[in-house]
Amino acid sequence: MANNAAAHIRVLIVDDFAETRENIRKLLQFESDIDVVGMARTGREGIALAKETKPNVVLMDINMPDMDGIQATEIITKEVPIAQIVIVSVQSDTDYLRRAMLAGARDFLSKPPPADEMINTIRRLGEMSRQREALLASQPALSGPGGGARGRGGKVIAVFSPKGGAGCTTLVTNLAMALKSGDNKVMVVDANIQFGDVGVFLNLQGKFNLVSLTERADEIDEEWLQSVLTNHTASGVKVLLAPPTPEDAELVGAGQLKKVLESLREYYDYILVDTASVLRDVELTVFDVADRVVLVATPDIPSLANIKKFFDLIEKLEFPPEKMLLILNRVDRRGGITAANVEETLKHTVRGQILLDDKTVLASINSGVPFILSPNARQLAPVPGIFELAQRLKDDFNPKETAPAADDKGRKAPAKQSSLFARR
């Protein structure tokens, strides 16, 4: 490791116990590539020192006298965008961790942190900080706040499945086309940050991507936004592409993504967000921001088993159940597991069904043209279900324009013990 001070990882320690601060400092003083640039005993002191020292990594306690570490994390993430924050705490409660990740924290270490684990974490996040610093330096300077039609109050619609291969990207790209009508403005955000395929599904390439906006999350104006988005010419839908490589995904922070999605509400009526089939801070952030989460299941045992686990988890995390819209995709007319079977098993209403047509879907993906734009779209099996879902979403967001559907009763009371998961 080079001894050049410019290459050193700058670390700030924020903890209200002097002994803890000193113990961490002593551990790090033997690492030639790590410099402790400051120590603070409160959240407010930590923010002030972070602005002054511009640390690459902040080791942050949660419980402090004047401002807790979660609030301080959110402010430092905004004020010092290169800072990568690690929560170091005895608190391992799920709610604490979720709130910390939503605030922008990158990692968590238990207190007292094991020396090797802490040093490895600092080096890993230090490299991410340098990459972010280089990216910020390479991007053109932004103009001041621009004009444009703000205040649209757009709706964020996340599409998620806990089981890969459920058809989320196909649904996102076609649903965007179904929602685009008249002068409303629709966009797609590819938040599958490691392996996003929206660009492939729409045959789009662009110079900019999600990283471009998250790195400037606090400075988004319409002029910059339009220069970053990619236009789908055939529909007029705008697309924010995923990071180009899995490594670039590390540059997308949960806190910054949250700010980006909230900013997009000002310019677009519907913001559809494609997500990966995992649950990390990024996905939890998307769910937190979203007005609706379209939960995609397929009529098979592995998919439904994962959906059940997901419902159990969000109940523990206290996500509002009214946000969830359970959709059954790839429904086979010839039989098999039905929507009624799924409702009986999961105790949740199926809010929409999209019929199976693998030939149409595969041809659409390979051509990069959503099948909903086909000349004979209305005759294709999956299309009516997608238009019905689009209308349901519009009705949900404009309740005065529609009568309540007879089957929208939320959870269904169990009629009998489900047999779908009884298989061993």
Protein backbone atom coordinates (compact mmCIF):
# COMPACT_ATOMS: atom_id res chain seq x y z
CA MET A 1 0.00 0.00 0.00
CA ALA A 2 1.32 3.39 -0.94
CA ASN A 3 2.22 5.75 1.85
CA ASN A 4 1.20 8.80 -0.10
CA ALA A 5 -1.18 10.76 2.14
CA ALA A 6 -3.41 11.51 -0.84
CA ALA A 7 -4.11 7.77 -1.14
CA HIS A 8 -4.98 7.35 2.54
CA ILE A 9 -8.54 6.53 3.58
CA ARG A 10 -9.84 9.35 5.77
CA VAL A 11 -11.92 8.04 8.69
CA LEU A 12 -14.17 9.97 11.07
CA ILE A 13 -15.26 8.33 14.36
CA VAL A 14 -18.56 9.48 15.91
CA ASP A 15 -19.42 8.00 19.33
CA ASP A 16 -20.46 9.51 22.64
CA PHE A 17 -18.10 7.27 24.66
CA ALA A 18 -14.54 8.55 24.77
CA GLU A 19 -13.19 5.06 25.51
CA THR A 20 -14.84 3.64 22.38
CA ARG A 21 -13.49 6.43 20.21
CA GLU A 22 -9.99 5.97 21.58
CA ASN A 23 -10.04 2.18 21.24
CA ILE A 24 -11.03 2.43 17.56
CA ARG A 25 -8.40 5.10 16.95
CA LYS A 26 -5.70 2.90 18.49
CA LEU A 27 -6.75 -0.05 16.33
CA LEU A 28 -6.55 2.03 13.17
CA GLN A 29 -3.29 3.83 13.91
CA PHE A 30 -1.28 0.75 12.86
CA GLU A 31 -2.81 0.74 9.36
CA SER A 32 -0.53 2.69 7.03
CA ASP A 33 -3.32 3.42 4.52
CA ILE A 34 -5.89 4.70 7.04
CA ASP A 35 -5.92 8.12 8.72
CA VAL A 36 -8.31 9.06 11.53
CA VAL A 37 -9.11 12.66 10.60
CA GLY A 38 -11.45 13.41 13.48
CA MET A 39 -13.43 12.13 16.46
CA ALA A 40 -16.80 13.48 17.59
CA ARG A 41 -18.90 12.75 20.66
CA THR A 42 -22.32 13.85 19.29
CA GLY A 43 -24.21 13.70 16.05
CA ARG A 44 -23.99 17.46 15.55
CA GLU A 45 -20.24 17.45 16.12
CA GLY A 46 -19.98 14.59 13.65
CA ILE A 47 -21.81 16.58 10.97
CA ALA A 48 -19.57 19.62 11.51
CA LEU A 49 -16.39 17.52 11.37
CA ALA A 50 -17.60 15.65 8.30
CA LYS A 51 -18.10 18.94 6.45
CA GLU A 52 -14.66 20.10 7.54
CA THR A 53 -12.59 16.93 6.97
CA LYS A 54 -14.49 15.31 4.03
CA PRO A 55 -13.97 11.73 5.30
CA ASN A 56 -14.14 8.70 3.02
CA VAL A 57 -15.62 6.57 5.81
CA VAL A 58 -17.60 7.51 8.92
CA LEU A 59 -17.92 5.06 11.84
CA MET A 60 -21.22 6.14 13.39
CA ASP A 61 -22.87 5.19 16.69
CA ILE A 62 -26.69 5.23 16.85
CA ASN A 63 -27.53 6.42 20.37
CA MET A 64 -26.04 9.84 21.15
CA PRO A 65 -27.21 12.72 23.37
CA ASP A 66 -28.13 15.54 20.97
CA MET A 67 -28.88 13.82 17.65
CA ASP A 68 -28.98 10.11 16.95
CA GLY A 69 -26.70 8.48 14.40
CA ILE A 70 -29.51 7.87 11.93
CA GLN A 71 -30.34 11.59 11.68
CA ALA A 72 -26.65 12.43 11.45
CA THR A 73 -26.20 9.79 8.73
CA GLU A 74 -28.96 11.32 6.62
CA ILE A 75 -27.45 14.81 6.89
CA ILE A 76 -23.85 13.71 6.24
CA THR A 77 -24.94 11.65 3.23
CA LYS A 78 -26.47 14.81 1.80
CA GLU A 79 -23.73 17.26 2.77
CA VAL A 80 -20.69 15.05 2.09
CA PRO A 81 -21.71 12.73 -0.79
CA ILE A 82 -18.38 10.87 -0.88
CA ALA A 83 -18.74 9.76 2.77
CA GLN A 84 -19.57 6.08 3.25
CA ILE A 85 -21.21 5.56 6.63
CA VAL A 86 -20.89 2.44 8.77
CA ILE A 87 -23.21 2.08 11.74
CA VAL A 88 -21.27 0.74 14.76
CA SER A 89 -23.69 -0.09 17.54
CA VAL A 90 -24.90 -2.60 20.10
CA GLN A 91 -28.37 -2.03 18.62
CA SER A 92 -29.22 -4.85 16.21
CA ASP A 93 -32.96 -4.29 16.10
CA THR A 94 -34.43 -4.70 12.60
CA ASP A 95 -36.12 -1.31 12.74
CA TYR A 96 -32.86 0.45 13.63
CA LEU A 97 -31.04 -1.26 10.78
CA ARG A 98 -33.77 -0.52 8.26
CA ARG A 99 -33.93 3.14 9.26
CA ALA A 100 -30.14 3.42 9.07
CA MET A 101 -30.03 1.92 5.59
CA LEU A 102 -32.84 4.17 4.39
CA ALA A 103 -30.88 7.14 5.76
CA GLY A 104 -27.91 6.15 3.59
CA ALA A 105 -25.73 3.91 5.77
CA ARG A 106 -23.61 1.45 3.79
CA ASP A 107 -22.85 -1.22 6.38
CA PHE A 108 -23.31 -2.29 9.99
CA LEU A 109 -20.78 -3.50 12.56
CA SER A 110 -21.61 -4.75 16.04
CA LYS A 111 -19.95 -3.03 18.98
CA PRO A 112 -17.17 -3.62 19.83
CA PRO A 113 -16.26 -4.18 16.18
CA PRO A 114 -13.86 -7.07 15.39
CA ALA A 115 -10.60 -5.48 14.22
CA ASP A 116 -10.20 -7.43 10.96
CA GLU A 117 -13.82 -6.98 9.96
CA MET A 118 -13.72 -3.24 10.67
CA ILE A 119 -10.48 -2.69 8.73
CA ASN A 120 -11.71 -4.73 5.74
CA THR A 121 -14.98 -2.77 5.75
CA ILE A 122 -13.13 0.56 5.87
CA ARG A 123 -10.91 -0.43 2.93
CA ARG A 124 -13.83 -1.67 0.86
CA LEU A 125 -15.90 1.45 1.48
CA GLY A 126 -12.84 3.67 1.10
CA GLU A 127 -12.46 2.39 -2.45
CA MET A 128 -16.14 3.08 -3.12
CA SER A 129 -15.68 6.60 -1.78
CA ARG A 130 -12.77 7.21 -4.14
CA GLN A 131 -14.81 5.95 -7.10
CA ARG A 132 -17.64 8.26 -6.15
CA GLU A 133 -15.24 11.18 -5.75
CA ALA A 134 -13.79 10.51 -9.22
CA LEU A 135 -17.26 10.24 -10.75
CA LEU A 136 -18.38 13.52 -9.21
CA ALA A 137 -15.25 15.23 -10.52
CA SER A 138 -15.81 13.86 -14.04
CA GLN A 139 -19.44 14.95 -14.40
CA PRO A 140 -20.25 18.36 -15.88
CA ALA A 141 -21.19 21.11 -13.49
CA LEU A 142 -24.92 21.52 -13.05
CA SER A 143 -26.81 24.69 -13.64
CA GLY A 144 -28.86 26.15 -10.83
CA PRO A 145 -32.44 25.13 -10.16
CA GLY A 146 -34.28 25.09 -13.42
CA GLY A 147 -37.79 25.80 -14.48
CA GLY A 148 -40.25 23.26 -15.79
CA ALA A 149 -43.61 22.00 -14.67
CA ARG A 150 -43.00 21.03 -11.07
CA GLY A 151 -45.50 19.78 -8.54
CA ARG A 152 -47.12 17.01 -10.59
CA GLY A 153 -47.39 14.84 -7.47
CA GLY A 154 -46.45 11.77 -9.50
CA LYS A 155 -47.01 8.23 -8.26
CA VAL A 156 -44.16 5.78 -7.73
CA ILE A 157 -45.07 2.19 -8.65
CA ALA A 158 -42.54 -0.50 -7.73
CA VAL A 159 -42.67 -3.91 -9.41
CA PHE A 160 -41.11 -6.73 -7.40
CA SER A 161 -40.99 -10.48 -7.05
CA PRO A 162 -39.00 -12.39 -4.45
CA LYS A 163 -38.50 -15.15 -7.04
CA GLY A 164 -36.46 -14.49 -10.19
CA GLY A 165 -38.03 -15.19 -13.56
CA ALA A 166 -41.51 -13.99 -12.58
CA GLY A 167 -41.60 -11.48 -15.46
CA CYS A 168 -41.13 -8.20 -13.60
CA THR A 169 -39.17 -6.43 -16.34
CA THR A 170 -41.64 -7.55 -19.01
CA LEU A 171 -44.46 -6.27 -16.84
CA VAL A 172 -42.73 -2.93 -16.09
CA THR A 173 -41.96 -2.14 -19.72
CA ASN A 174 -45.42 -3.04 -21.00
CA LEU A 175 -47.27 -1.46 -18.08
CA ALA A 176 -45.42 1.82 -18.74
CA MET A 177 -46.81 1.82 -22.29
CA ALA A 178 -50.32 1.09 -21.00
CA LEU A 179 -50.15 3.99 -18.51
CA LYS A 180 -48.89 6.41 -21.17
CA SER A 181 -51.87 8.20 -22.63
CA GLY A 182 -52.78 11.75 -23.53
CA ASP A 183 -50.40 14.30 -22.05
CA ASN A 184 -49.48 12.31 -18.93
CA LYS A 185 -45.76 11.72 -18.42
CA VAL A 186 -44.47 8.23 -17.67
CA MET A 187 -40.99 7.01 -16.92
CA VAL A 188 -39.26 3.75 -15.99
CA VAL A 189 -36.43 3.53 -13.44
CA ASP A 190 -34.29 0.42 -13.69
CA ALA A 191 -33.37 -0.10 -10.02
CA ASN A 192 -32.13 -3.64 -10.57
CA ILE A 193 -28.78 -2.05 -9.94
CA GLN A 194 -26.51 -5.01 -10.65
CA PHE A 195 -28.19 -6.76 -13.57
CA GLY A 196 -30.85 -4.41 -14.92
CA ASP A 197 -32.39 -5.37 -18.27
CA VAL A 198 -34.84 -2.56 -19.03
CA GLY A 199 -32.47 -1.18 -21.68
CA VAL A 200 -32.29 -4.59 -23.35
CA PHE A 201 -36.06 -5.10 -23.23
CA LEU A 202 -36.60 -1.69 -24.88
CA ASN A 203 -33.56 -1.82 -27.19
CA LEU A 204 -32.13 1.33 -25.63
CA GLN A 205 -28.63 2.54 -24.95
CA GLY A 206 -27.65 5.75 -23.21
CA LYS A 207 -24.61 7.66 -22.09
CA PHE A 208 -26.05 8.26 -18.61
CA ASN A 209 -27.71 5.97 -16.07
CA LEU A 210 -29.01 5.75 -12.52
CA VAL A 211 -25.59 6.54 -11.06
CA SER A 212 -25.63 9.89 -12.87
CA LEU A 213 -28.70 11.00 -10.90
CA THR A 214 -27.94 9.43 -7.54
CA GLU A 215 -24.58 11.19 -7.46
CA ARG A 216 -26.38 14.52 -7.86
CA ALA A 217 -29.53 13.62 -5.94
CA ASP A 218 -29.67 16.97 -4.15
CA GLU A 219 -29.29 19.06 -7.30
CA ILE A 220 -31.76 17.61 -9.80
CA ASP A 221 -33.41 20.12 -12.11
CA GLU A 222 -35.41 19.50 -15.26
CA GLU A 223 -32.64 20.40 -17.68
CA TRP A 224 -30.17 17.99 -16.09
CA LEU A 225 -32.85 15.31 -15.70
CA GLN A 226 -33.77 15.36 -19.39
CA SER A 227 -30.12 15.11 -20.38
CA VAL A 228 -29.72 11.97 -18.25
CA LEU A 229 -32.90 10.13 -19.28
CA THR A 230 -33.17 7.98 -22.40
CA ASN A 231 -36.21 8.43 -24.62
CA HIS A 232 -38.25 5.49 -25.90
CA THR A 233 -39.24 7.09 -29.18
CA ALA A 234 -42.14 4.79 -30.08
CA SER A 235 -44.05 5.52 -26.87
CA GLY A 236 -42.66 8.75 -25.41
CA VAL A 237 -41.84 6.94 -22.16
CA LYS A 238 -38.59 8.11 -20.54
CA VAL A 239 -36.14 5.59 -19.09
CA LEU A 240 -33.49 5.87 -16.39
CA LEU A 241 -31.16 3.00 -17.22
CA ALA A 242 -29.45 0.75 -14.68
CA PRO A 243 -25.72 1.07 -13.92
CA PRO A 244 -23.75 -0.45 -16.82
CA THR A 245 -21.77 -2.98 -14.75
CA PRO A 246 -22.31 -4.80 -11.44
CA GLU A 247 -19.35 -2.89 -9.97
CA ASP A 248 -21.05 0.43 -10.72
CA ALA A 249 -24.02 -0.69 -8.63
CA GLU A 250 -21.92 0.03 -5.54
CA LEU A 251 -22.21 3.73 -6.40
CA VAL A 252 -25.99 3.73 -5.92
CA GLY A 253 -26.77 4.54 -2.29
CA ALA A 254 -30.19 3.93 -0.77
CA GLY A 255 -30.44 7.47 0.61
CA GLN A 256 -29.58 9.01 -2.75
CA LEU A 257 -32.02 6.73 -4.58
CA LYS A 258 -34.79 7.81 -2.25
CA LYS A 259 -34.11 11.47 -3.05
CA VAL A 260 -34.06 10.73 -6.78
CA LEU A 261 -37.44 8.98 -6.70
CA GLU A 262 -39.00 11.76 -4.66
CA SER A 263 -37.61 14.36 -7.10
CA LEU A 264 -39.03 12.49 -10.09
CA ARG A 265 -42.54 12.93 -8.69
CA GLU A 266 -42.27 16.62 -9.59
CA TYR A 267 -41.85 15.91 -13.30
CA TYR A 268 -43.71 12.66 -14.04
CA ASP A 269 -47.22 11.36 -13.42
CA TYR A 270 -46.17 7.71 -13.13
CA ILE A 271 -42.71 6.46 -12.18
CA LEU A 272 -42.40 2.67 -12.59
CA VAL A 273 -39.47 1.08 -10.78
CA ASP A 274 -38.09 -2.31 -11.77
CA THR A 275 -36.33 -4.09 -8.91
CA ALA A 276 -34.10 -7.09 -8.31
CA SER A 277 -35.44 -10.27 -6.68
CA VAL A 278 -33.53 -9.60 -3.46
CA LEU A 279 -34.12 -7.53 -0.35
CA ARG A 280 -31.36 -5.04 0.40
CA ASP A 281 -31.39 -1.43 1.48
CA VAL A 282 -32.05 -0.35 -2.12
CA GLU A 283 -35.19 -2.48 -2.47
CA LEU A 284 -36.47 -1.49 0.99
CA THR A 285 -35.96 2.14 0.03
CA VAL A 286 -37.98 1.70 -3.14
CA PHE A 287 -40.82 0.08 -1.15
CA ASP A 288 -40.69 2.89 1.38
CA VAL A 289 -41.04 5.57 -1.29
CA ALA A 290 -43.53 3.73 -3.50
CA ASP A 291 -47.23 4.52 -3.53
CA ARG A 292 -47.91 0.98 -4.75
CA VAL A 293 -45.83 -2.19 -4.85
CA VAL A 294 -46.97 -4.56 -7.61
CA LEU A 295 -46.00 -7.94 -6.18
CA VAL A 296 -45.61 -10.45 -9.00
CA ALA A 297 -46.25 -14.15 -8.41
CA THR A 298 -46.36 -17.04 -10.86
CA PRO A 299 -48.63 -20.06 -10.38
CA ASP A 300 -46.00 -22.48 -9.09
CA ILE A 301 -45.01 -23.69 -5.64
CA PRO A 302 -41.53 -22.06 -5.39
CA SER A 303 -42.88 -18.65 -6.35
CA LEU A 304 -45.80 -18.81 -3.94
CA ALA A 305 -43.58 -20.05 -1.12
CA ASN A 306 -41.35 -17.00 -1.58
CA ILE A 307 -44.33 -14.66 -1.81
CA LYS A 308 -45.58 -16.03 1.52
CA LYS A 309 -42.17 -15.37 3.11
CA PHE A 310 -42.26 -11.85 1.69
CA PHE A 311 -45.70 -11.13 3.16
CA ASP A 312 -44.49 -12.41 6.55
CA LEU A 313 -41.46 -10.12 6.37
CA ILE A 314 -43.28 -6.93 5.42
CA GLU A 315 -45.75 -7.56 8.21
CA LYS A 316 -42.83 -7.64 10.67
CA LEU A 317 -41.40 -4.47 9.10
CA GLU A 318 -44.85 -2.83 9.35
CA PHE A 319 -45.11 -1.84 5.71
CA PRO A 320 -48.62 -0.55 4.98
CA PRO A 321 -50.58 -3.49 3.50
CA GLU A 322 -52.63 -1.15 1.31
CA LYS A 323 -49.50 -0.48 -0.76
CA MET A 324 -49.35 -4.08 -1.97
CA LEU A 325 -51.02 -5.28 -5.16
CA LEU A 326 -50.64 -9.02 -5.66
CA ILE A 327 -50.58 -9.93 -9.37
CA LEU A 328 -50.55 -13.44 -10.82
CA ASN A 329 -48.44 -13.59 -13.98
CA ARG A 330 -48.12 -16.32 -16.61
CA VAL A 331 -51.54 -17.79 -15.80
CA ASP A 332 -52.20 -20.90 -17.90
CA ARG A 333 -55.75 -21.20 -19.25
CA ARG A 334 -55.33 -24.98 -19.40
CA GLY A 335 -55.39 -25.30 -15.63
CA GLY A 336 -53.00 -25.78 -12.76
CA ILE A 337 -52.82 -23.48 -9.74
CA THR A 338 -55.59 -20.89 -9.94
CA ALA A 339 -56.04 -17.43 -8.46
CA ALA A 340 -58.51 -18.94 -5.99
CA ASN A 341 -55.86 -21.44 -4.86
CA VAL A 342 -53.35 -18.60 -4.41
CA GLU A 343 -55.78 -16.49 -2.39
CA GLU A 344 -56.65 -19.44 -0.17
CA THR A 345 -52.97 -20.16 0.42
CA LEU A 346 -51.65 -16.63 0.95
CA LYS A 347 -54.76 -15.06 2.53
CA HIS A 348 -54.34 -12.11 0.17
CA THR A 349 -56.51 -11.06 -2.73
CA VAL A 350 -55.13 -11.49 -6.25
CA ARG A 351 -55.67 -8.04 -7.80
CA GLY A 352 -54.94 -9.00 -11.39
CA GLN A 353 -54.05 -11.87 -13.71
CA ILE A 354 -51.87 -11.86 -16.82
CA LEU A 355 -52.20 -14.84 -19.15
CA LEU A 356 -49.31 -17.02 -20.28
CA ASP A 357 -47.99 -16.54 -23.82
CA ASP A 358 -44.31 -17.48 -23.84
CA LYS A 359 -43.99 -17.19 -27.62
CA THR A 360 -45.21 -13.59 -27.67
CA VAL A 361 -43.11 -12.58 -24.66
CA LEU A 362 -39.93 -14.18 -26.00
CA ALA A 363 -40.35 -12.53 -29.41
CA SER A 364 -40.93 -9.19 -27.70
CA ILE A 365 -37.81 -9.47 -25.54
CA ASN A 366 -35.60 -10.56 -28.43
CA SER A 367 -36.80 -7.71 -30.65
CA GLY A 368 -36.66 -5.06 -27.93
CA VAL A 369 -40.26 -4.03 -28.69
CA PRO A 370 -42.92 -4.31 -25.94
CA PHE A 371 -45.70 -6.59 -27.17
CA ILE A 372 -48.30 -4.07 -26.03
CA LEU A 373 -47.18 -1.88 -28.97
CA SER A 374 -47.86 -4.63 -31.52
CA PRO A 375 -50.47 -3.85 -34.22
CA ASN A 376 -52.52 -6.84 -33.02
CA ALA A 377 -51.87 -6.16 -29.30
CA ARG A 378 -55.51 -6.53 -28.22
CA GLN A 379 -55.52 -10.09 -29.55
CA LEU A 380 -52.46 -11.15 -27.53
CA ALA A 381 -53.19 -13.13 -24.37
CA PRO A 382 -51.19 -11.03 -21.83
CA VAL A 383 -52.38 -7.61 -23.02
CA PRO A 384 -55.89 -7.38 -21.47
CA GLY A 385 -54.47 -8.17 -18.03
CA ILE A 386 -51.87 -5.42 -18.33
CA PHE A 387 -54.44 -2.83 -19.41
CA GLU A 388 -56.68 -3.89 -16.52
CA LEU A 389 -53.78 -3.47 -14.09
CA ALA A 390 -53.03 -0.03 -15.55
CA GLN A 391 -56.66 0.99 -15.10
CA ARG A 392 -56.72 -0.38 -11.56
CA LEU A 393 -53.70 1.73 -10.66
CA LYS A 394 -55.26 4.83 -12.20
CA ASP A 395 -58.48 4.15 -10.30
CA ASP A 396 -56.58 3.64 -7.04
CA PHE A 397 -54.89 7.02 -7.46
CA ASN A 398 -58.12 8.73 -8.57
CA PRO A 399 -60.76 7.13 -6.33
CA LYS A 400 -63.47 9.68 -7.17
CA GLU A 401 -63.52 8.51 -10.76
CA THR A 402 -64.45 4.92 -10.04
CA ALA A 403 -66.71 2.82 -7.87
CA PRO A 404 -64.99 0.42 -5.52
CA ALA A 405 -64.51 -3.01 -7.01
CA ALA A 406 -66.55 -5.77 -5.44
CA ASP A 407 -63.55 -7.99 -4.89
CA ASP A 408 -61.23 -5.38 -3.34
CA LYS A 409 -61.53 -6.51 0.23
CA GLY A 410 -57.86 -6.77 1.16
CA ARG A 411 -57.06 -9.93 3.03
CA LYS A 412 -59.47 -12.82 2.71
CA ALA A 413 -60.52 -14.83 5.72
CA PRO A 414 -59.17 -18.37 5.56
CA ALA A 415 -61.79 -20.90 4.51
CA LYS A 416 -59.70 -23.94 5.35
CA GLN A 417 -56.09 -25.00 5.80
CA SER A 418 -54.21 -24.48 2.54
CA SER A 419 -52.79 -27.53 0.81
CA LEU A 420 -50.41 -25.84 -1.65
CA PHE A 421 -47.48 -25.85 0.78
CA ALA A 422 -48.31 -29.21 2.33
CA ARG A 423 -46.08 -30.97 -0.17
CA ARG A 424 -42.86 -32.34 1.34
